[in-house]
């Protein structure tokens, strides 16, 4: 059975337990080998870009059809590529 994160009221998770939990999540839920640094960095880049656009004017423009799906795809793809280059 996979580990679950503690509730907010629990004491902070130890770094060893946190590492084990991240490994379980990457292997079984995301299908990424946690020892494959390139794959982990790529996933991190996608997360950074997603976090940057979430609830931002760019997402608003897309929802208002000021940015079409293809434009949004190109912006996300290029930005993810650029962040990967910086992170790596």
PDB file of N, CA and C in Angstrom:
ATOM      1  N   UNK A   1       0.849  -1.184   0.000  1.00  0.00           N
ATOM      2  CA  UNK A   1       0.000   0.000   0.000  1.00  0.00           C
ATOM      3  C   UNK A   1       0.889   1.240   0.000  1.00  0.00           C
ATOM      4  N   UNK A   2       0.560   2.238  -0.820  1.00  0.00           N
ATOM      5  CA  UNK A   2       1.354   3.457  -0.938  1.00  0.00           C
ATOM      6  C   UNK A   2       1.183   4.315   0.307  1.00  0.00           C
ATOM      7  N   UNK A   3       2.265   5.041   0.631  1.00  0.00           N
ATOM      8  CA  UNK A   3       2.203   5.947   1.765  1.00  0.00           C
ATOM      9  C   UNK A   3       1.340   7.142   1.411  1.00  0.00           C
ATOM     10  N   UNK A   4       0.750   7.754   2.431  1.00  0.00           N
ATOM     11  CA  UNK A   4      -0.029   8.963   2.225  1.00  0.00           C
ATOM     12  C   UNK A   4       0.600  10.087   3.017  1.00  0.00           C
ATOM     13  N   UNK A   5       0.448  11.302   2.509  1.00  0.00           N
ATOM     14  CA  UNK A   5       0.984  12.465   3.213  1.00  0.00           C
ATOM     15  C   UNK A   5       0.215  12.645   4.516  1.00  0.00           C
ATOM     16  N   UNK A   6       0.894  13.130   5.559  1.00  0.00           N
ATOM     17  CA  UNK A   6       0.201  13.345   6.829  1.00  0.00           C
ATOM     18  C   UNK A   6      -0.795  14.485   6.717  1.00  0.00           C
ATOM     19  N   UNK A   7      -1.782  14.472   7.581  1.00  0.00           N
ATOM     20  CA  UNK A   7      -2.757  15.559   7.629  1.00  0.00           C
ATOM     21  C   UNK A   7      -2.059  16.832   8.075  1.00  0.00           C
ATOM     22  N   UNK A   8      -2.684  17.967   7.794  1.00  0.00           N
ATOM     23  CA  UNK A   8      -2.079  19.263   8.110  1.00  0.00           C
ATOM     24  C   UNK A   8      -1.792  19.410   9.602  1.00  0.00           C
ATOM     25  N   UNK A   9      -2.571  18.747  10.432  1.00  0.00           N
ATOM     26  CA  UNK A   9      -2.391  18.886  11.878  1.00  0.00           C
ATOM     27  C   UNK A   9      -1.260  18.001  12.416  1.00  0.00           C
ATOM     28  N   UNK A  10      -0.780  17.041  11.604  1.00  0.00           N
ATOM     29  CA  UNK A  10       0.303  16.170  12.043  1.00  0.00           C
ATOM     30  C   UNK A  10       1.621  16.936  12.092  1.00  0.00           C
ATOM     31  N   UNK A  11       2.594  16.354  12.774  1.00  0.00           N
ATOM     32  CA  UNK A  11       3.913  16.972  12.820  1.00  0.00           C
ATOM     33  C   UNK A  11       4.547  16.908  11.428  1.00  0.00           C
ATOM     34  N   UNK A  12       5.530  17.764  11.164  1.00  0.00           N
ATOM     35  CA  UNK A  12       6.156  17.777   9.847  1.00  0.00           C
ATOM     36  C   UNK A  12       6.760  16.410   9.495  1.00  0.00           C
ATOM     37  N   UNK A  13       6.755  16.105   8.222  1.00  0.00           N
ATOM     38  CA  UNK A  13       7.281  14.841   7.737  1.00  0.00           C
ATOM     39  C   UNK A  13       8.812  14.883   7.765  1.00  0.00           C
ATOM     40  N   UNK A  14       9.426  13.791   8.176  1.00  0.00           N
ATOM     41  CA  UNK A  14      10.880  13.731   8.165  1.00  0.00           C
ATOM     42  C   UNK A  14      11.369  13.726   6.723  1.00  0.00           C
ATOM     43  N   UNK A  15      12.596  14.161   6.500  1.00  0.00           N
ATOM     44  CA  UNK A  15      13.110  14.213   5.132  1.00  0.00           C
ATOM     45  C   UNK A  15      13.213  12.807   4.535  1.00  0.00           C
ATOM     46  N   UNK A  16      13.518  11.812   5.345  1.00  0.00           N
ATOM     47  CA  UNK A  16      13.594  10.434   4.853  1.00  0.00           C
ATOM     48  C   UNK A  16      12.217   9.949   4.394  1.00  0.00           C
ATOM     49  N   UNK A  17      11.195  10.243   5.192  1.00  0.00           N
ATOM     50  CA  UNK A  17       9.832   9.827   4.829  1.00  0.00           C
ATOM     51  C   UNK A  17       9.343  10.596   3.600  1.00  0.00           C
ATOM     52  N   UNK A  18       9.682  11.881   3.544  1.00  0.00           N
ATOM     53  CA  UNK A  18       9.307  12.679   2.384  1.00  0.00           C
ATOM     54  C   UNK A  18       9.952  12.127   1.109  1.00  0.00           C
ATOM     55  N   UNK A  19      11.225  11.767   1.178  1.00  0.00           N
ATOM     56  CA  UNK A  19      11.917  11.203   0.020  1.00  0.00           C
ATOM     57  C   UNK A  19      11.258   9.889  -0.408  1.00  0.00           C
ATOM     58  N   UNK A  20      10.923   9.049   0.556  1.00  0.00           N
ATOM     59  CA  UNK A  20      10.269   7.774   0.231  1.00  0.00           C
ATOM     60  C   UNK A  20       8.912   8.014  -0.424  1.00  0.00           C
ATOM     61  N   UNK A  21       8.167   8.987   0.069  1.00  0.00           N
ATOM     62  CA  UNK A  21       6.862   9.300  -0.492  1.00  0.00           C
ATOM     63  C   UNK A  21       6.991   9.835  -1.918  1.00  0.00           C
ATOM     64  N   UNK A  22       7.953  10.710  -2.152  1.00  0.00           N
ATOM     65  CA  UNK A  22       8.171  11.243  -3.498  1.00  0.00           C
ATOM     66  C   UNK A  22       8.548  10.115  -4.448  1.00  0.00           C
ATOM     67  N   UNK A  23       9.383   9.189  -4.005  1.00  0.00           N
ATOM     68  CA  UNK A  23       9.763   8.052  -4.846  1.00  0.00           C
ATOM     69  C   UNK A  23       8.546   7.208  -5.211  1.00  0.00           C
ATOM     70  N   UNK A  24       7.680   6.946  -4.244  1.00  0.00           N
ATOM     71  CA  UNK A  24       6.467   6.159  -4.503  1.00  0.00           C
ATOM     72  C   UNK A  24       5.579   6.885  -5.509  1.00  0.00           C
ATOM     73  N   UNK A  25       5.396   8.173  -5.324  1.00  0.00           N
ATOM     74  CA  UNK A  25       4.539   8.950  -6.227  1.00  0.00           C
ATOM     75  C   UNK A  25       5.115   8.947  -7.635  1.00  0.00           C
ATOM     76  N   UNK A  26       6.420   9.211  -7.757  1.00  0.00           N
ATOM     77  CA  UNK A  26       7.027   9.250  -9.088  1.00  0.00           C
ATOM     78  C   UNK A  26       6.936   7.900  -9.783  1.00  0.00           C
ATOM     79  N   UNK A  27       7.233   6.824  -9.067  1.00  0.00           N
ATOM     80  CA  UNK A  27       7.233   5.495  -9.686  1.00  0.00           C
ATOM     81  C   UNK A  27       5.835   5.018 -10.061  1.00  0.00           C
ATOM     82  N   UNK A  28       4.903   5.117  -9.143  1.00  0.00           N
ATOM     83  CA  UNK A  28       3.621   4.454  -9.311  1.00  0.00           C
ATOM     84  C   UNK A  28       2.508   5.344  -9.853  1.00  0.00           C
ATOM     85  N   UNK A  29       2.567   6.641  -9.594  1.00  0.00           N
ATOM     86  CA  UNK A  29       1.501   7.515 -10.077  1.00  0.00           C
ATOM     87  C   UNK A  29       1.912   8.279 -11.331  1.00  0.00           C
ATOM     88  N   UNK A  30       3.187   8.622 -11.438  1.00  0.00           N
ATOM     89  CA  UNK A  30       3.651   9.418 -12.569  1.00  0.00           C
ATOM     90  C   UNK A  30       4.425   8.563 -13.576  1.00  0.00           C
ATOM     91  N   UNK A  31       4.796   7.348 -13.182  1.00  0.00           N
ATOM     92  CA  UNK A  31       5.535   6.415 -14.044  1.00  0.00           C
ATOM     93  C   UNK A  31       6.903   6.959 -14.447  1.00  0.00           C
ATOM     94  N   UNK A  32       7.591   7.610 -13.502  1.00  0.00           N
ATOM     95  CA  UNK A  32       8.936   8.133 -13.734  1.00  0.00           C
ATOM     96  C   UNK A  32       9.873   7.496 -12.728  1.00  0.00           C
ATOM     97  N   UNK A  33      11.032   7.063 -13.218  1.00  0.00           N
ATOM     98  CA  UNK A  33      12.066   6.517 -12.336  1.00  0.00           C
ATOM     99  C   UNK A  33      12.682   7.681 -11.571  1.00  0.00           C
ATOM    100  N   UNK A  34      12.566   7.719 -10.251  1.00  0.00           N
ATOM    101  CA  UNK A  34      13.100   8.845  -9.482  1.00  0.00           C
ATOM    102  C   UNK A  34      14.621   8.965  -9.582  1.00  0.00           C
ATOM    103  N   UNK A  35      15.287   7.925 -10.052  1.00  0.00           N
ATOM    104  CA  UNK A  35      16.739   7.983 -10.232  1.00  0.00           C
ATOM    105  C   UNK A  35      17.124   8.566 -11.594  1.00  0.00           C
ATOM    106  N   UNK A  36      16.152   8.790 -12.465  1.00  0.00           N
ATOM    107  CA  UNK A  36      16.397   9.383 -13.784  1.00  0.00           C
ATOM    108  C   UNK A  36      16.285  10.896 -13.636  1.00  0.00           C
ATOM    109  N   UNK A  37      17.415  11.529 -13.360  1.00  0.00           N
ATOM    110  CA  UNK A  37      17.423  12.966 -13.074  1.00  0.00           C
ATOM    111  C   UNK A  37      16.844  13.782 -14.221  1.00  0.00           C
ATOM    112  N   UNK A  38      17.143  13.398 -15.457  1.00  0.00           N
ATOM    113  CA  UNK A  38      16.613  14.133 -16.605  1.00  0.00           C
ATOM    114  C   UNK A  38      15.100  14.147 -16.622  1.00  0.00           C
ATOM    115  N   UNK A  39      14.493  12.994 -16.380  1.00  0.00           N
ATOM    116  CA  UNK A  39      13.032  12.905 -16.376  1.00  0.00           C
ATOM    117  C   UNK A  39      12.438  13.721 -15.226  1.00  0.00           C
ATOM    118  N   UNK A  40      13.077  13.689 -14.084  1.00  0.00           N
ATOM    119  CA  UNK A  40      12.593  14.458 -12.927  1.00  0.00           C
ATOM    120  C   UNK A  40      12.699  15.957 -13.213  1.00  0.00           C
ATOM    121  N   UNK A  41      13.800  16.382 -13.835  1.00  0.00           N
ATOM    122  CA  UNK A  41      13.961  17.798 -14.170  1.00  0.00           C
ATOM    123  C   UNK A  41      12.952  18.230 -15.236  1.00  0.00           C
ATOM    124  N   UNK A  42      12.688  17.348 -16.208  1.00  0.00           N
ATOM    125  CA  UNK A  42      11.678  17.668 -17.225  1.00  0.00           C
ATOM    126  C   UNK A  42      10.312  17.857 -16.586  1.00  0.00           C
ATOM    127  N   UNK A  43       9.950  16.958 -15.685  1.00  0.00           N
ATOM    128  CA  UNK A  43       8.678  17.070 -14.979  1.00  0.00           C
ATOM    129  C   UNK A  43       8.635  18.349 -14.146  1.00  0.00           C
ATOM    130  N   UNK A  44       9.741  18.688 -13.522  1.00  0.00           N
ATOM    131  CA  UNK A  44       9.822  19.925 -12.735  1.00  0.00           C
ATOM    132  C   UNK A  44       9.604  21.146 -13.619  1.00  0.00           C
ATOM    133  N   UNK A  45      10.192  21.139 -14.810  1.00  0.00           N
ATOM    134  CA  UNK A  45      10.030  22.264 -15.736  1.00  0.00           C
ATOM    135  C   UNK A  45       8.569  22.436 -16.121  1.00  0.00           C
ATOM    136  N   UNK A  46       7.899  21.339 -16.409  1.00  0.00           N
ATOM    137  CA  UNK A  46       6.473  21.407 -16.759  1.00  0.00           C
ATOM    138  C   UNK A  46       5.679  21.961 -15.577  1.00  0.00           C
ATOM    139  N   UNK A  47       6.018  21.530 -14.366  1.00  0.00           N
ATOM    140  CA  UNK A  47       5.332  22.032 -13.171  1.00  0.00           C
ATOM    141  C   UNK A  47       5.563  23.515 -12.946  1.00  0.00           C
ATOM    142  N   UNK A  48       6.777  23.973 -13.205  1.00  0.00           N
ATOM    143  CA  UNK A  48       7.088  25.396 -13.041  1.00  0.00           C
ATOM    144  C   UNK A  48       6.267  26.226 -14.030  1.00  0.00           C
ATOM    145  N   UNK A  49       6.241  25.788 -15.288  1.00  0.00           N
ATOM    146  CA  UNK A  49       5.480  26.518 -16.307  1.00  0.00           C
ATOM    147  C   UNK A  49       3.986  26.499 -15.972  1.00  0.00           C
ATOM    148  N   UNK A  50       3.483  25.349 -15.580  1.00  0.00           N
ATOM    149  CA  UNK A  50       2.071  25.257 -15.193  1.00  0.00           C
ATOM    150  C   UNK A  50       1.771  26.218 -14.046  1.00  0.00           C
ATOM    151  N   UNK A  51       2.652  26.248 -13.057  1.00  0.00           N
ATOM    152  CA  UNK A  51       2.455  27.153 -11.927  1.00  0.00           C
ATOM    153  C   UNK A  51       2.529  28.619 -12.319  1.00  0.00           C
ATOM    154  N   UNK A  52       3.359  28.919 -13.319  1.00  0.00           N
ATOM    155  CA  UNK A  52       3.493  30.307 -13.758  1.00  0.00           C
ATOM    156  C   UNK A  52       2.240  30.786 -14.485  1.00  0.00           C
ATOM    157  N   UNK A  53       1.614  29.907 -15.257  1.00  0.00           N
ATOM    158  CA  UNK A  53       0.426  30.300 -16.030  1.00  0.00           C
ATOM    159  C   UNK A  53      -0.853  30.193 -15.222  1.00  0.00           C
ATOM    160  N   UNK A  54      -0.879  29.321 -14.214  1.00  0.00           N
ATOM    161  CA  UNK A  54      -2.116  29.090 -13.478  1.00  0.00           C
ATOM    162  C   UNK A  54      -2.611  30.396 -12.864  1.00  0.00           C
ATOM    163  N   UNK A  55      -3.864  30.737 -13.141  1.00  0.00           N
ATOM    164  CA  UNK A  55      -4.487  31.953 -12.604  1.00  0.00           C
ATOM    165  C   UNK A  55      -3.707  33.218 -12.957  1.00  0.00           C
ATOM    166  N   UNK A  56      -3.178  33.247 -14.164  1.00  0.00           N
ATOM    167  CA  UNK A  56      -2.426  34.418 -14.609  1.00  0.00           C
ATOM    168  C   UNK A  56      -3.175  35.087 -15.760  1.00  0.00           C
ATOM    169  N   UNK A  57      -2.740  36.276 -16.166  1.00  0.00           N
ATOM    170  CA  UNK A  57      -3.364  36.925 -17.325  1.00  0.00           C
ATOM    171  C   UNK A  57      -3.292  36.058 -18.588  1.00  0.00           C
ATOM    172  N   UNK A  58      -2.232  35.267 -18.746  1.00  0.00           N
ATOM    173  CA  UNK A  58      -2.115  34.414 -19.928  1.00  0.00           C
ATOM    174  C   UNK A  58      -3.267  33.409 -19.965  1.00  0.00           C
ATOM    175  N   UNK A  59      -3.560  32.794 -18.834  1.00  0.00           N
ATOM    176  CA  UNK A  59      -4.684  31.850 -18.784  1.00  0.00           C
ATOM    177  C   UNK A  59      -6.010  32.578 -19.018  1.00  0.00           C
ATOM    178  N   UNK A  60      -6.135  33.785 -18.503  1.00  0.00           N
ATOM    179  CA  UNK A  60      -7.346  34.573 -18.731  1.00  0.00           C
ATOM    180  C   UNK A  60      -7.523  34.877 -20.218  1.00  0.00           C
ATOM    181  N   UNK A  61      -6.446  35.266 -20.897  1.00  0.00           N
ATOM    182  CA  UNK A  61      -6.521  35.557 -22.331  1.00  0.00           C
ATOM    183  C   UNK A  61      -6.958  34.316 -23.097  1.00  0.00           C
ATOM    184  N   UNK A  62      -6.428  33.164 -22.685  1.00  0.00           N
ATOM    185  CA  UNK A  62      -6.804  31.920 -23.353  1.00  0.00           C
ATOM    186  C   UNK A  62      -8.284  31.628 -23.128  1.00  0.00           C
ATOM    187  N   UNK A  63      -8.758  31.792 -21.918  1.00  0.00           N
ATOM    188  CA  UNK A  63     -10.175  31.504 -21.629  1.00  0.00           C
ATOM    189  C   UNK A  63     -11.111  32.496 -22.327  1.00  0.00           C
ATOM    190  N   UNK A  64     -10.606  33.697 -22.628  1.00  0.00           N
ATOM    191  CA  UNK A  64     -11.412  34.716 -23.319  1.00  0.00           C
ATOM    192  C   UNK A  64     -11.239  34.633 -24.834  1.00  0.00           C
ATOM    193  N   UNK A  65     -10.560  33.591 -25.315  1.00  0.00           N
ATOM    194  CA  UNK A  65     -10.299  33.367 -26.745  1.00  0.00           C
ATOM    195  C   UNK A  65      -9.407  34.441 -27.370  1.00  0.00           C
ATOM    196  N   UNK A  66      -8.662  35.159 -26.536  1.00  0.00           N
ATOM    197  CA  UNK A  66      -7.692  36.116 -27.071  1.00  0.00           C
ATOM    198  C   UNK A  66      -6.419  35.384 -27.490  1.00  0.00           C
ATOM    199  N   UNK A  67      -6.213  34.197 -26.906  1.00  0.00           N
ATOM    200  CA  UNK A  67      -5.145  33.272 -27.326  1.00  0.00           C
ATOM    201  C   UNK A  67      -5.828  31.985 -27.737  1.00  0.00           C
ATOM    202  N   UNK A  68      -5.623  31.552 -28.946  1.00  0.00           N
ATOM    203  CA  UNK A  68      -6.219  30.307 -29.415  1.00  0.00           C
ATOM    204  C   UNK A  68      -5.466  29.112 -28.851  1.00  0.00           C
ATOM    205  N   UNK A  69      -6.072  27.942 -28.919  1.00  0.00           N
ATOM    206  CA  UNK A  69      -5.466  26.726 -28.374  1.00  0.00           C
ATOM    207  C   UNK A  69      -4.070  26.486 -28.943  1.00  0.00           C
ATOM    208  N   UNK A  70      -3.914  26.652 -30.244  1.00  0.00           N
ATOM    209  CA  UNK A  70      -2.610  26.437 -30.866  1.00  0.00           C
ATOM    210  C   UNK A  70      -1.561  27.396 -30.340  1.00  0.00           C
ATOM    211  N   UNK A  71      -1.959  28.657 -30.147  1.00  0.00           N
ATOM    212  CA  UNK A  71      -1.025  29.647 -29.594  1.00  0.00           C
ATOM    213  C   UNK A  71      -0.635  29.274 -28.173  1.00  0.00           C
ATOM    214  N   UNK A  72      -1.617  28.858 -27.396  1.00  0.00           N
ATOM    215  CA  UNK A  72      -1.344  28.469 -26.010  1.00  0.00           C
ATOM    216  C   UNK A  72      -0.422  27.255 -25.978  1.00  0.00           C
ATOM    217  N   UNK A  73      -0.663  26.300 -26.875  1.00  0.00           N
ATOM    218  CA  UNK A  73       0.191  25.122 -26.957  1.00  0.00           C
ATOM    219  C   UNK A  73       1.632  25.520 -27.282  1.00  0.00           C
ATOM    220  N   UNK A  74       1.803  26.394 -28.270  1.00  0.00           N
ATOM    221  CA  UNK A  74       3.160  26.828 -28.646  1.00  0.00           C
ATOM    222  C   UNK A  74       3.839  27.580 -27.506  1.00  0.00           C
ATOM    223  N   UNK A  75       3.093  28.458 -26.830  1.00  0.00           N
ATOM    224  CA  UNK A  75       3.658  29.204 -25.696  1.00  0.00           C
ATOM    225  C   UNK A  75       4.098  28.236 -24.599  1.00  0.00           C
ATOM    226  N   UNK A  76       3.228  27.279 -24.251  1.00  0.00           N
ATOM    227  CA  UNK A  76       3.560  26.312 -23.202  1.00  0.00           C
ATOM    228  C   UNK A  76       4.743  25.441 -23.602  1.00  0.00           C
ATOM    229  N   UNK A  77       4.748  24.966 -24.850  1.00  0.00           N
ATOM    230  CA  UNK A  77       5.836  24.097 -25.298  1.00  0.00           C
ATOM    231  C   UNK A  77       7.164  24.841 -25.278  1.00  0.00           C
ATOM    232  N   UNK A  78       7.184  26.061 -25.804  1.00  0.00           N
ATOM    233  CA  UNK A  78       8.436  26.814 -25.839  1.00  0.00           C
ATOM    234  C   UNK A  78       8.898  27.178 -24.432  1.00  0.00           C
ATOM    235  N   UNK A  79       7.973  27.615 -23.596  1.00  0.00           N
ATOM    236  CA  UNK A  79       8.345  27.997 -22.230  1.00  0.00           C
ATOM    237  C   UNK A  79       8.840  26.786 -21.450  1.00  0.00           C
ATOM    238  N   UNK A  80       8.193  25.633 -21.623  1.00  0.00           N
ATOM    239  CA  UNK A  80       8.661  24.410 -20.944  1.00  0.00           C
ATOM    240  C   UNK A  80      10.049  24.034 -21.430  1.00  0.00           C
ATOM    241  N   UNK A  81      10.282  24.126 -22.750  1.00  0.00           N
ATOM    242  CA  UNK A  81      11.606  23.826 -23.303  1.00  0.00           C
ATOM    243  C   UNK A  81      12.647  24.760 -22.697  1.00  0.00           C
ATOM    244  N   UNK A  82      12.322  26.051 -22.613  1.00  0.00           N
ATOM    245  CA  UNK A  82      13.280  27.035 -22.097  1.00  0.00           C
ATOM    246  C   UNK A  82      13.576  26.786 -20.621  1.00  0.00           C
ATOM    247  N   UNK A  83      12.551  26.511 -19.839  1.00  0.00           N
ATOM    248  CA  UNK A  83      12.766  26.225 -18.412  1.00  0.00           C
ATOM    249  C   UNK A  83      13.599  24.959 -18.251  1.00  0.00           C
ATOM    250  N   UNK A  84      13.345  23.919 -19.075  1.00  0.00           N
ATOM    251  CA  UNK A  84      14.173  22.706 -19.036  1.00  0.00           C
ATOM    252  C   UNK A  84      15.628  23.036 -19.275  1.00  0.00           C
ATOM    253  N   UNK A  85      15.885  23.886 -20.259  1.00  0.00           N
ATOM    254  CA  UNK A  85      17.269  24.285 -20.572  1.00  0.00           C
ATOM    255  C   UNK A  85      17.921  24.968 -19.367  1.00  0.00           C
ATOM    256  N   UNK A  86      17.187  25.827 -18.706  1.00  0.00           N
ATOM    257  CA  UNK A  86      17.722  26.543 -17.533  1.00  0.00           C
ATOM    258  C   UNK A  86      17.937  25.588 -16.375  1.00  0.00           C
ATOM    259  N   UNK A  87      16.964  24.724 -16.111  1.00  0.00           N
ATOM    260  CA  UNK A  87      17.045  23.804 -14.974  1.00  0.00           C
ATOM    261  C   UNK A  87      18.167  22.782 -15.169  1.00  0.00           C
ATOM    262  N   UNK A  88      18.302  22.292 -16.393  1.00  0.00           N
ATOM    263  CA  UNK A  88      19.337  21.291 -16.662  1.00  0.00           C
ATOM    264  C   UNK A  88      20.704  21.921 -16.648  1.00  0.00           C
TER     265      UNK A  88
END
